[in-house]
């Protein structure tokens, strides 16, 4: 069997395989809260058999978001929203990950389809 489809354990966490889904900017959050879009998007990869599914770049402060539509994890309510997504990913047999982010001086720009500039 290919190593791609064999389990991998890193620091006590075992992924069912080495198929990993990289984080993708979804520009679908509301006030930094992940939505049902995130549940379906991330959940589909977990259900499809990926071993690790990474959530999009998630800002640690509101001023650090790439755009105002990006996800955040700077308060307990947002963390609670992620619990639902993480639980579903786990139920599908995958491991959930998150990419913490701060966009620096380029933060808070508009979503790409809304044109350039700050939002």
Protein backbone atom coordinates (compact mmCIF):
# COMPACT_ATOMS: atom_id res chain seq x y z
CA UNK A 1 0.00 0.00 0.00
CA UNK A 2 1.19 3.54 -0.72
CA UNK A 3 2.44 5.51 2.28
CA UNK A 4 -0.01 8.25 1.21
CA UNK A 5 -2.87 6.13 2.52
CA UNK A 6 -1.16 4.86 5.67
CA UNK A 7 -1.74 6.46 9.09
CA UNK A 8 0.70 9.00 10.47
CA UNK A 9 1.16 9.92 14.14
CA UNK A 10 2.70 13.26 15.10
CA UNK A 11 3.03 14.26 18.77
CA UNK A 12 0.29 11.87 19.85
CA UNK A 13 -2.20 12.82 17.11
CA UNK A 14 -2.89 10.16 14.50
CA UNK A 15 -4.16 11.06 11.04
CA UNK A 16 -5.86 8.21 9.20
CA UNK A 17 -3.78 8.99 6.11
CA UNK A 18 -1.38 11.58 4.72
CA UNK A 19 -3.95 13.32 2.54
CA UNK A 20 -4.08 16.82 4.01
CA UNK A 21 -6.22 19.75 2.91
CA UNK A 22 -4.48 23.12 3.06
CA UNK A 23 -6.26 26.17 4.45
CA UNK A 24 -8.18 28.27 1.92
CA UNK A 25 -9.49 31.80 2.36
CA UNK A 26 -13.27 31.56 2.16
CA UNK A 27 -14.32 35.17 2.86
CA UNK A 28 -17.57 33.83 4.35
CA UNK A 29 -17.46 34.76 8.04
CA UNK A 30 -19.78 37.13 9.88
CA UNK A 31 -18.00 39.40 12.36
CA UNK A 32 -15.20 36.85 12.48
CA UNK A 33 -17.56 33.94 13.23
CA UNK A 34 -17.33 30.84 11.05
CA UNK A 35 -20.68 30.04 9.43
CA UNK A 36 -22.51 27.02 8.07
CA UNK A 37 -20.45 27.58 4.92
CA UNK A 38 -17.33 26.63 6.89
CA UNK A 39 -19.02 23.56 8.36
CA UNK A 40 -20.00 22.32 4.90
CA UNK A 41 -16.73 23.28 3.21
CA UNK A 42 -14.40 21.75 5.79
CA UNK A 43 -16.80 18.91 6.57
CA UNK A 44 -16.93 17.81 2.94
CA UNK A 45 -13.17 17.24 2.87
CA UNK A 46 -13.32 15.31 6.14
CA UNK A 47 -16.21 13.20 4.89
CA UNK A 48 -14.34 12.64 1.63
CA UNK A 49 -11.53 10.87 3.46
CA UNK A 50 -8.83 13.48 4.10
CA UNK A 51 -6.67 12.74 7.13
CA UNK A 52 -6.20 16.39 8.15
CA UNK A 53 -8.39 19.35 7.22
CA UNK A 54 -7.13 22.86 7.91
CA UNK A 55 -9.52 25.75 8.43
CA UNK A 56 -8.83 29.01 6.66
CA UNK A 57 -6.41 31.65 7.90
CA UNK A 58 -8.03 32.68 11.18
CA UNK A 59 -7.20 36.07 12.63
CA UNK A 60 -6.12 36.42 16.24
CA UNK A 61 -7.38 40.05 16.43
CA UNK A 62 -10.06 41.83 14.37
CA UNK A 63 -7.54 44.33 13.00
CA UNK A 64 -5.41 41.46 11.71
CA UNK A 65 -7.94 39.94 9.31
CA UNK A 66 -7.05 39.86 5.64
CA UNK A 67 -10.57 41.15 4.95
CA UNK A 68 -13.59 41.97 7.12
CA UNK A 69 -15.14 38.70 5.87
CA UNK A 70 -12.36 36.51 7.30
CA UNK A 71 -12.71 34.19 10.26
CA UNK A 72 -11.35 35.04 13.67
CA UNK A 73 -10.68 33.41 16.99
CA UNK A 74 -10.21 36.41 19.28
CA UNK A 75 -13.19 35.68 21.55
CA UNK A 76 -14.90 32.76 23.25
CA UNK A 77 -17.98 32.89 21.01
CA UNK A 78 -15.89 32.33 17.90
CA UNK A 79 -14.08 29.47 19.60
CA UNK A 80 -17.46 27.91 20.41
CA UNK A 81 -18.46 28.18 16.73
CA UNK A 82 -15.33 26.25 15.81
CA UNK A 83 -16.20 23.50 18.32
CA UNK A 84 -19.19 22.49 16.20
CA UNK A 85 -17.05 22.29 13.05
CA UNK A 86 -14.26 20.42 14.83
CA UNK A 87 -16.73 17.92 16.29
CA UNK A 88 -18.13 17.15 12.84
CA UNK A 89 -14.66 16.73 11.33
CA UNK A 90 -13.74 14.35 14.17
CA UNK A 91 -16.98 12.35 13.66
CA UNK A 92 -15.90 11.82 10.05
CA UNK A 93 -12.59 10.34 11.19
CA UNK A 94 -10.38 13.29 10.27
CA UNK A 95 -8.22 15.65 12.31
CA UNK A 96 -9.10 19.33 12.35
CA UNK A 97 -6.45 22.04 12.15
CA UNK A 98 -6.47 25.81 12.07
CA UNK A 99 -4.11 28.34 10.53
CA UNK A 100 -3.65 31.27 12.90
CA UNK A 101 -3.06 34.52 11.08
CA UNK A 102 -2.36 38.22 11.29
CA UNK A 103 -2.22 40.09 7.98
CA UNK A 104 0.02 42.85 9.30
CA UNK A 105 0.00 46.16 7.47
CA UNK A 106 -2.06 44.65 4.63
CA UNK A 107 -4.93 43.77 6.95
CA UNK A 108 -8.61 44.66 6.50
CA UNK A 109 -8.76 44.89 2.74
CA UNK A 110 -11.90 44.07 0.80
CA UNK A 111 -12.76 40.56 -0.36
CA UNK A 112 -11.19 40.04 -3.83
CA UNK A 113 -14.45 40.24 -5.78
CA UNK A 114 -15.33 43.62 -4.17
CA UNK A 115 -12.30 45.39 -5.66
CA UNK A 116 -9.13 46.75 -4.17
CA UNK A 117 -8.83 48.92 -1.11
CA UNK A 118 -9.75 48.77 2.53
CA UNK A 119 -13.10 47.59 3.73
